[in-house]
PDB file of N, CA and C in Angstrom:
ATOM      1  N   MET A   1     102.912 139.467  63.801  1.00  0.00           N
ATOM      2  CA  MET A   1     103.525 140.289  62.773  1.00  0.00           C
ATOM      3  C   MET A   1     103.355 141.757  63.162  1.00  0.00           C
ATOM      4  N   LYS A   2     104.415 142.516  63.032  1.00  0.00           N
ATOM      5  CA  LYS A   2     104.385 143.948  63.331  1.00  0.00           C
ATOM      6  C   LYS A   2     104.173 144.717  62.024  1.00  0.00           C
ATOM      7  N   SER A   3     103.180 145.601  62.047  1.00  0.00           N
ATOM      8  CA  SER A   3     102.853 146.395  60.859  1.00  0.00           C
ATOM      9  C   SER A   3     103.007 147.874  61.150  1.00  0.00           C
ATOM     10  N   LEU A   4     103.549 148.589  60.170  1.00  0.00           N
ATOM     11  CA  LEU A   4     103.655 150.043  60.239  1.00  0.00           C
ATOM     12  C   LEU A   4     102.849 150.618  59.088  1.00  0.00           C
ATOM     13  N   HIS A   5     101.898 151.475  59.410  1.00  0.00           N
ATOM     14  CA  HIS A   5     101.106 152.160  58.393  1.00  0.00           C
ATOM     15  C   HIS A   5     101.577 153.609  58.348  1.00  0.00           C
ATOM     16  N   VAL A   6     102.071 154.021  57.190  1.00  0.00           N
ATOM     17  CA  VAL A   6     102.544 155.384  56.988  1.00  0.00           C
ATOM     18  C   VAL A   6     101.406 156.161  56.322  1.00  0.00           C
ATOM     19  N   ILE A   7     100.912 157.152  57.035  1.00  0.00           N
ATOM     20  CA  ILE A   7      99.767 157.929  56.555  1.00  0.00           C
ATOM     21  C   ILE A   7     100.262 159.304  56.114  1.00  0.00           C
ATOM     22  N   ARG A   8      99.933 159.690  54.862  1.00  0.00           N
ATOM     23  CA  ARG A   8     100.364 160.978  54.310  1.00  0.00           C
ATOM     24  C   ARG A   8      99.255 162.014  54.262  1.00  0.00           C
ATOM     25  N   ASP A   9      98.024 161.569  54.161  1.00  0.00           N
ATOM     26  CA  ASP A   9      96.887 162.467  53.938  1.00  0.00           C
ATOM     27  C   ASP A   9      95.985 162.470  55.173  1.00  0.00           C
ATOM     28  N   PRO A  10      95.615 163.646  55.684  1.00  0.00           N
ATOM     29  CA  PRO A  10      94.762 163.691  56.875  1.00  0.00           C
ATOM     30  C   PRO A  10      93.363 163.115  56.642  1.00  0.00           C
ATOM     31  N   ASN A  11      92.963 162.956  55.386  1.00  0.00           N
ATOM     32  CA  ASN A  11      91.640 162.414  55.061  1.00  0.00           C
ATOM     33  C   ASN A  11      91.669 160.929  54.718  1.00  0.00           C
ATOM     34  N   GLU A  12      92.780 160.275  54.970  1.00  0.00           N
ATOM     35  CA  GLU A  12      92.935 158.852  54.644  1.00  0.00           C
ATOM     36  C   GLU A  12      92.176 157.997  55.650  1.00  0.00           C
ATOM     37  N   ARG A  13      90.981 157.612  55.336  1.00  0.00           N
ATOM     38  CA  ARG A  13      90.139 156.833  56.259  1.00  0.00           C
ATOM     39  C   ARG A  13      90.370 155.331  56.121  1.00  0.00           C
ATOM     40  N   LEU A  14      90.568 154.841  54.905  1.00  0.00           N
ATOM     41  CA  LEU A  14      90.741 153.407  54.692  1.00  0.00           C
ATOM     42  C   LEU A  14      91.970 152.879  55.425  1.00  0.00           C
ATOM     43  N   GLY A  15      93.081 153.588  55.293  1.00  0.00           N
ATOM     44  CA  GLY A  15      94.310 153.169  55.966  1.00  0.00           C
ATOM     45  C   GLY A  15      94.152 153.125  57.472  1.00  0.00           C
ATOM     46  N   LEU A  16      93.478 154.119  58.025  1.00  0.00           N
ATOM     47  CA  LEU A  16      93.248 154.161  59.470  1.00  0.00           C
ATOM     48  C   LEU A  16      92.316 153.038  59.913  1.00  0.00           C
ATOM     49  N   GLU A  17      91.312 152.760  59.109  1.00  0.00           N
ATOM     50  CA  GLU A  17      90.375 151.684  59.434  1.00  0.00           C
ATOM     51  C   GLU A  17      91.076 150.325  59.420  1.00  0.00           C
ATOM     52  N   ILE A  18      91.884 150.090  58.409  1.00  0.00           N
ATOM     53  CA  ILE A  18      92.609 148.822  58.318  1.00  0.00           C
ATOM     54  C   ILE A  18      93.612 148.695  59.461  1.00  0.00           C
ATOM     55  N   ALA A  19      94.340 149.759  59.764  1.00  0.00           N
ATOM     56  CA  ALA A  19      95.303 149.722  60.871  1.00  0.00           C
ATOM     57  C   ALA A  19      94.593 149.435  62.191  1.00  0.00           C
ATOM     58  N   SER A  20      93.438 150.026  62.366  1.00  0.00           N
ATOM     59  CA  SER A  20      92.664 149.804  63.591  1.00  0.00           C
ATOM     60  C   SER A  20      92.214 148.348  63.688  1.00  0.00           C
ATOM     61  N   ARG A  21      91.764 147.770  62.580  1.00  0.00           N
ATOM     62  CA  ARG A  21      91.358 146.360  62.568  1.00  0.00           C
ATOM     63  C   ARG A  21      92.531 145.431  62.832  1.00  0.00           C
ATOM     64  N   GLU A  22      93.690 145.748  62.274  1.00  0.00           N
ATOM     65  CA  GLU A  22      94.880 144.918  62.458  1.00  0.00           C
ATOM     66  C   GLU A  22      95.423 144.984  63.878  1.00  0.00           C
ATOM     67  N   SER A  23      95.073 146.016  64.612  1.00  0.00           N
ATOM     68  CA  SER A  23      95.653 146.189  65.947  1.00  0.00           C
ATOM     69  C   SER A  23      95.323 145.029  66.879  1.00  0.00           C
ATOM     70  N   GLY A  24      94.247 144.327  66.636  1.00  0.00           N
ATOM     71  CA  GLY A  24      93.901 143.171  67.447  1.00  0.00           C
ATOM     72  C   GLY A  24      94.695 141.930  67.100  1.00  0.00           C
ATOM     73  N   GLN A  25      95.372 141.933  65.957  1.00  0.00           N
ATOM     74  CA  GLN A  25      96.108 140.769  65.480  1.00  0.00           C
ATOM     75  C   GLN A  25      97.593 140.827  65.793  1.00  0.00           C
ATOM     76  N   GLY A  26      98.090 141.922  66.280  1.00  0.00           N
ATOM     77  CA  GLY A  26      99.511 142.072  66.544  1.00  0.00           C
ATOM     78  C   GLY A  26      99.855 143.519  66.757  1.00  0.00           C
ATOM     79  N   ARG A  27     101.131 143.779  66.799  1.00  0.00           N
ATOM     80  CA  ARG A  27     101.588 145.148  67.047  1.00  0.00           C
ATOM     81  C   ARG A  27     101.456 145.985  65.783  1.00  0.00           C
ATOM     82  N   VAL A  28     100.718 147.078  65.896  1.00  0.00           N
ATOM     83  CA  VAL A  28     100.495 147.978  64.767  1.00  0.00           C
ATOM     84  C   VAL A  28     100.892 149.386  65.190  1.00  0.00           C
ATOM     85  N   SER A  29     101.625 150.053  64.312  1.00  0.00           N
ATOM     86  CA  SER A  29     102.031 151.435  64.565  1.00  0.00           C
ATOM     87  C   SER A  29     101.628 152.299  63.385  1.00  0.00           C
ATOM     88  N   LEU A  30     101.447 153.587  63.659  1.00  0.00           N
ATOM     89  CA  LEU A  30     101.169 154.568  62.616  1.00  0.00           C
ATOM     90  C   LEU A  30     102.292 155.584  62.592  1.00  0.00           C
ATOM     91  N   LEU A  31     102.718 155.959  61.409  1.00  0.00           N
ATOM     92  CA  LEU A  31     103.672 157.038  61.238  1.00  0.00           C
ATOM     93  C   LEU A  31     102.992 158.096  60.385  1.00  0.00           C
ATOM     94  N   LEU A  32     102.749 159.245  60.967  1.00  0.00           N
ATOM     95  CA  LEU A  32     102.112 160.356  60.258  1.00  0.00           C
ATOM     96  C   LEU A  32     103.183 161.223  59.623  1.00  0.00           C
ATOM     97  N   ILE A  33     103.035 161.474  58.318  1.00  0.00           N
ATOM     98  CA  ILE A  33     103.980 162.331  57.608  1.00  0.00           C
ATOM     99  C   ILE A  33     103.180 163.331  56.775  1.00  0.00           C
ATOM    100  N   GLN A  34     103.880 164.312  56.237  1.00  0.00           N
ATOM    101  CA  GLN A  34     103.283 165.348  55.401  1.00  0.00           C
ATOM    102  C   GLN A  34     102.064 165.953  56.107  1.00  0.00           C
ATOM    103  N   ASP A  35     100.952 166.164  55.408  1.00  0.00           N
ATOM    104  CA  ASP A  35      99.782 166.811  56.015  1.00  0.00           C
ATOM    105  C   ASP A  35      99.049 165.933  57.025  1.00  0.00           C
ATOM    106  N   ALA A  36      99.335 164.649  57.057  1.00  0.00           N
ATOM    107  CA  ALA A  36      98.674 163.767  58.034  1.00  0.00           C
ATOM    108  C   ALA A  36      99.040 164.133  59.470  1.00  0.00           C
ATOM    109  N   VAL A  37     100.149 164.870  59.673  1.00  0.00           N
ATOM    110  CA  VAL A  37     100.503 165.284  61.034  1.00  0.00           C
ATOM    111  C   VAL A  37      99.463 166.244  61.614  1.00  0.00           C
ATOM    112  N   LEU A  38      98.603 166.790  60.775  1.00  0.00           N
ATOM    113  CA  LEU A  38      97.536 167.676  61.242  1.00  0.00           C
ATOM    114  C   LEU A  38      96.395 166.892  61.888  1.00  0.00           C
ATOM    115  N   THR A  39      96.374 165.580  61.701  1.00  0.00           N
ATOM    116  CA  THR A  39      95.327 164.719  62.238  1.00  0.00           C
ATOM    117  C   THR A  39      95.625 164.373  63.683  1.00  0.00           C
ATOM    118  N   ARG A  40      94.638 164.559  64.540  1.00  0.00           N
ATOM    119  CA  ARG A  40      94.778 164.168  65.950  1.00  0.00           C
ATOM    120  C   ARG A  40      94.155 162.792  66.117  1.00  0.00           C
ATOM    121  N   LEU A  41      95.012 161.806  66.379  1.00  0.00           N
ATOM    122  CA  LEU A  41      94.538 160.433  66.485  1.00  0.00           C
ATOM    123  C   LEU A  41      94.726 159.890  67.884  1.00  0.00           C
ATOM    124  N   THR A  42      93.739 159.197  68.366  1.00  0.00           N
ATOM    125  CA  THR A  42      93.849 158.434  69.605  1.00  0.00           C
ATOM    126  C   THR A  42      93.168 157.096  69.350  1.00  0.00           C
ATOM    127  N   LEU A  43      93.916 156.180  68.807  1.00  0.00           N
ATOM    128  CA  LEU A  43      93.384 154.865  68.492  1.00  0.00           C
ATOM    129  C   LEU A  43      93.934 153.858  69.491  1.00  0.00           C
ATOM    130  N   ASP A  44      93.050 153.126  70.135  1.00  0.00           N
ATOM    131  CA  ASP A  44      93.473 152.135  71.116  1.00  0.00           C
ATOM    132  C   ASP A  44      94.327 151.053  70.467  1.00  0.00           C
ATOM    133  N   GLY A  45      95.405 150.699  71.131  1.00  0.00           N
ATOM    134  CA  GLY A  45      96.264 149.621  70.667  1.00  0.00           C
ATOM    135  C   GLY A  45      97.251 150.005  69.593  1.00  0.00           C
ATOM    136  N   LEU A  46      97.284 151.273  69.197  1.00  0.00           N
ATOM    137  CA  LEU A  46      98.204 151.715  68.151  1.00  0.00           C
ATOM    138  C   LEU A  46      99.201 152.726  68.698  1.00  0.00           C
ATOM    139  N   ALA A  47     100.449 152.515  68.383  1.00  0.00           N
ATOM    140  CA  ALA A  47     101.473 153.513  68.687  1.00  0.00           C
ATOM    141  C   ALA A  47     101.443 154.522  67.541  1.00  0.00           C
ATOM    142  N   VAL A  48     101.331 155.819  67.867  1.00  0.00           N
ATOM    143  CA  VAL A  48     101.241 156.854  66.841  1.00  0.00           C
ATOM    144  C   VAL A  48     102.483 157.731  66.903  1.00  0.00           C
ATOM    145  N   TYR A  49     103.177 157.817  65.774  1.00  0.00           N
ATOM    146  CA  TYR A  49     104.380 158.630  65.634  1.00  0.00           C
ATOM    147  C   TYR A  49     104.129 159.689  64.564  1.00  0.00           C
ATOM    148  N   ALA A  50     104.856 160.796  64.632  1.00  0.00           N
ATOM    149  CA  ALA A  50     104.752 161.841  63.621  1.00  0.00           C
ATOM    150  C   ALA A  50     106.150 162.353  63.295  1.00  0.00           C
ATOM    151  N   LEU A  51     106.398 162.598  62.035  1.00  0.00           N
ATOM    152  CA  LEU A  51     107.706 163.066  61.591  1.00  0.00           C
ATOM    153  C   LEU A  51     107.941 164.493  62.088  1.00  0.00           C
ATOM    154  N   ALA A  52     109.019 164.685  62.826  1.00  0.00           N
ATOM    155  CA  ALA A  52     109.320 165.961  63.493  1.00  0.00           C
ATOM    156  C   ALA A  52     109.385 167.137  62.521  1.00  0.00           C
ATOM    157  N   ASP A  53     110.030 166.949  61.383  1.00  0.00           N
ATOM    158  CA  ASP A  53     110.142 168.055  60.425  1.00  0.00           C
ATOM    159  C   ASP A  53     108.775 168.486  59.894  1.00  0.00           C
ATOM    160  N   ASP A  54     107.869 167.537  59.689  1.00  0.00           N
ATOM    161  CA  ASP A  54     106.533 167.878  59.212  1.00  0.00           C
ATOM    162  C   ASP A  54     105.717 168.566  60.305  1.00  0.00           C
ATOM    163  N   LEU A  55     105.892 168.130  61.559  1.00  0.00           N
ATOM    164  CA  LEU A  55     105.234 168.811  62.673  1.00  0.00           C
ATOM    165  C   LEU A  55     105.695 170.256  62.769  1.00  0.00           C
ATOM    166  N   GLU A  56     107.004 170.446  62.692  1.00  0.00           N
ATOM    167  CA  GLU A  56     107.570 171.794  62.800  1.00  0.00           C
ATOM    168  C   GLU A  56     107.120 172.679  61.639  1.00  0.00           C
ATOM    169  N   ALA A  57     107.126 172.136  60.425  1.00  0.00           N
ATOM    170  CA  ALA A  57     106.755 172.918  59.243  1.00  0.00           C
ATOM    171  C   ALA A  57     105.302 173.397  59.309  1.00  0.00           C
ATOM    172  N   ARG A  58     104.464 172.627  60.010  1.00  0.00           N
ATOM    173  CA  ARG A  58     103.047 172.970  60.087  1.00  0.00           C
ATOM    174  C   ARG A  58     102.653 173.580  61.430  1.00  0.00           C
ATOM    175  N   GLY A  59     103.630 173.765  62.308  1.00  0.00           N
ATOM    176  CA  GLY A  59     103.376 174.394  63.601  1.00  0.00           C
ATOM    177  C   GLY A  59     102.505 173.566  64.530  1.00  0.00           C
ATOM    178  N   VAL A  60     102.632 172.251  64.443  1.00  0.00           N
ATOM    179  CA  VAL A  60     101.825 171.333  65.249  1.00  0.00           C
ATOM    180  C   VAL A  60     102.686 170.769  66.371  1.00  0.00           C
ATOM    181  N   LYS A  61     102.088 170.629  67.566  1.00  0.00           N
ATOM    182  CA  LYS A  61     102.838 170.095  68.708  1.00  0.00           C
ATOM    183  C   LYS A  61     102.020 169.063  69.460  1.00  0.00           C
ATOM    184  N   GLY A  62     102.729 168.100  70.035  1.00  0.00           N
ATOM    185  CA  GLY A  62     102.259 167.290  71.123  1.00  0.00           C
ATOM    186  C   GLY A  62     101.178 166.254  70.990  1.00  0.00           C
ATOM    187  N   HIS A  63     100.636 165.940  69.827  1.00  0.00           N
ATOM    188  CA  HIS A  63      99.565 164.948  69.799  1.00  0.00           C
ATOM    189  C   HIS A  63     100.032 163.552  69.392  1.00  0.00           C
ATOM    190  N   ALA A  64     101.288 163.419  68.995  1.00  0.00           N
ATOM    191  CA  ALA A  64     101.869 162.121  68.646  1.00  0.00           C
ATOM    192  C   ALA A  64     103.338 162.168  69.036  1.00  0.00           C
ATOM    193  N   ARG A  65     103.933 161.001  69.172  1.00  0.00           N
ATOM    194  CA  ARG A  65     105.355 160.967  69.509  1.00  0.00           C
ATOM    195  C   ARG A  65     106.157 161.422  68.297  1.00  0.00           C
ATOM    196  N   SER A  66     106.938 162.452  68.476  1.00  0.00           N
ATOM    197  CA  SER A  66     107.741 163.035  67.414  1.00  0.00           C
ATOM    198  C   SER A  66     108.983 162.176  67.146  1.00  0.00           C
ATOM    199  N   VAL A  67     109.243 161.898  65.852  1.00  0.00           N
ATOM    200  CA  VAL A  67     110.431 161.140  65.462  1.00  0.00           C
ATOM    201  C   VAL A  67     111.152 161.869  64.337  1.00  0.00           C
ATOM    202  N   ASP A  68     112.475 161.751  64.331  1.00  0.00           N
ATOM    203  CA  ASP A  68     113.242 162.337  63.238  1.00  0.00           C
ATOM    204  C   ASP A  68     113.357 161.304  62.109  1.00  0.00           C
ATOM    205  N   TYR A  69     114.073 161.658  61.043  1.00  0.00           N
ATOM    206  CA  TYR A  69     114.177 160.762  59.891  1.00  0.00           C
ATOM    207  C   TYR A  69     114.859 159.441  60.256  1.00  0.00           C
ATOM    208  N   ASP A  70     115.906 159.488  61.074  1.00  0.00           N
ATOM    209  CA  ASP A  70     116.583 158.257  61.476  1.00  0.00           C
ATOM    210  C   ASP A  70     115.651 157.322  62.235  1.00  0.00           C
ATOM    211  N   GLU A  71     114.853 157.891  63.138  1.00  0.00           N
ATOM    212  CA  GLU A  71     113.899 157.079  63.901  1.00  0.00           C
ATOM    213  C   GLU A  71     112.801 156.528  62.994  1.00  0.00           C
ATOM    214  N   ALA A  72     112.386 157.308  62.006  1.00  0.00           N
ATOM    215  CA  ALA A  72     111.366 156.841  61.058  1.00  0.00           C
ATOM    216  C   ALA A  72     111.888 155.641  60.266  1.00  0.00           C
ATOM    217  N   VAL A  73     113.141 155.711  59.840  1.00  0.00           N
ATOM    218  CA  VAL A  73     113.737 154.585  59.124  1.00  0.00           C
ATOM    219  C   VAL A  73     113.837 153.371  60.041  1.00  0.00           C
ATOM    220  N   ARG A  74     114.217 153.585  61.297  1.00  0.00           N
ATOM    221  CA  ARG A  74     114.280 152.476  62.259  1.00  0.00           C
ATOM    222  C   ARG A  74     112.916 151.814  62.431  1.00  0.00           C
ATOM    223  N   LEU A  75     111.866 152.628  62.488  1.00  0.00           N
ATOM    224  CA  LEU A  75     110.514 152.081  62.582  1.00  0.00           C
ATOM    225  C   LEU A  75     110.210 151.176  61.388  1.00  0.00           C
ATOM    226  N   MET A  76     110.579 151.630  60.205  1.00  0.00           N
ATOM    227  CA  MET A  76     110.322 150.843  58.993  1.00  0.00           C
ATOM    228  C   MET A  76     111.085 149.527  59.012  1.00  0.00           C
ATOM    229  N   VAL A  77     112.306 149.561  59.480  1.00  0.00           N
ATOM    230  CA  VAL A  77     113.132 148.351  59.529  1.00  0.00           C
ATOM    231  C   VAL A  77     112.643 147.399  60.615  1.00  0.00           C
ATOM    232  N   ASP A  78     112.167 147.932  61.729  1.00  0.00           N
ATOM    233  CA  ASP A  78     111.736 147.115  62.865  1.00  0.00           C
ATOM    234  C   ASP A  78     110.387 146.434  62.656  1.00  0.00           C
ATOM    235  N   HIS A  79     109.633 146.844  61.664  1.00  0.00           N
ATOM    236  CA  HIS A  79     108.330 146.241  61.405  1.00  0.00           C
ATOM    237  C   HIS A  79     108.425 145.247  60.248  1.00  0.00           C
ATOM    238  N   ASP A  80     107.616 144.195  60.330  1.00  0.00           N
ATOM    239  CA  ASP A  80     107.617 143.162  59.294  1.00  0.00           C
ATOM    240  C   ASP A  80     106.955 143.637  58.005  1.00  0.00           C
ATOM    241  N   LYS A  81     105.975 144.514  58.138  1.00  0.00           N
ATOM    242  CA  LYS A  81     105.219 144.997  56.986  1.00  0.00           C
ATOM    243  C   LYS A  81     105.071 146.515  57.098  1.00  0.00           C
ATOM    244  N   VAL A  82     105.319 147.205  55.989  1.00  0.00           N
ATOM    245  CA  VAL A  82     105.142 148.659  55.935  1.00  0.00           C
ATOM    246  C   VAL A  82     104.168 148.961  54.795  1.00  0.00           C
ATOM    247  N   VAL A  83     103.101 149.692  55.120  1.00  0.00           N
ATOM    248  CA  VAL A  83     102.089 150.062  54.129  1.00  0.00           C
ATOM    249  C   VAL A  83     102.016 151.580  54.099  1.00  0.00           C
ATOM    250  N   VAL A  84     102.118 152.155  52.918  1.00  0.00           N
ATOM    251  CA  VAL A  84     102.061 153.607  52.762  1.00  0.00           C
ATOM    252  C   VAL A  84     100.725 153.974  52.119  1.00  0.00           C
ATOM    253  N   TRP A  85     100.020 154.886  52.777  1.00  0.00           N
ATOM    254  CA  TRP A  85      98.699 155.325  52.297  1.00  0.00           C
ATOM    255  C   TRP A  85      98.790 156.756  51.825  1.00  0.00           C
TER     256      TRP A  85
END
C-alpha cells in the first residue's frame, strides 16, 4: 500500500514518526505544505516533496523535491492512503 503523509506544521512529530514506521511496510511519501516546508527532513525510505508556492513564499530552497499544485494532486491520486497532519 502506498501512503502519502501531508505535513502542515514543522513541529508535527507524530505524523513524521508514523510515516517513518510505515516506510518499512511499503512506499511512503511526505508532502510538506504551509510552514512544514521550513523543516529539513532526511528520512530513509521516504520520498519528500514540498509545495513550490509555499517554498517560494518562505524563501526556502533545495531540501525537498519541489512540486506544483498539479503534481501535489497527482501524488494524492497515486497513493492508496492520504493522511493530513
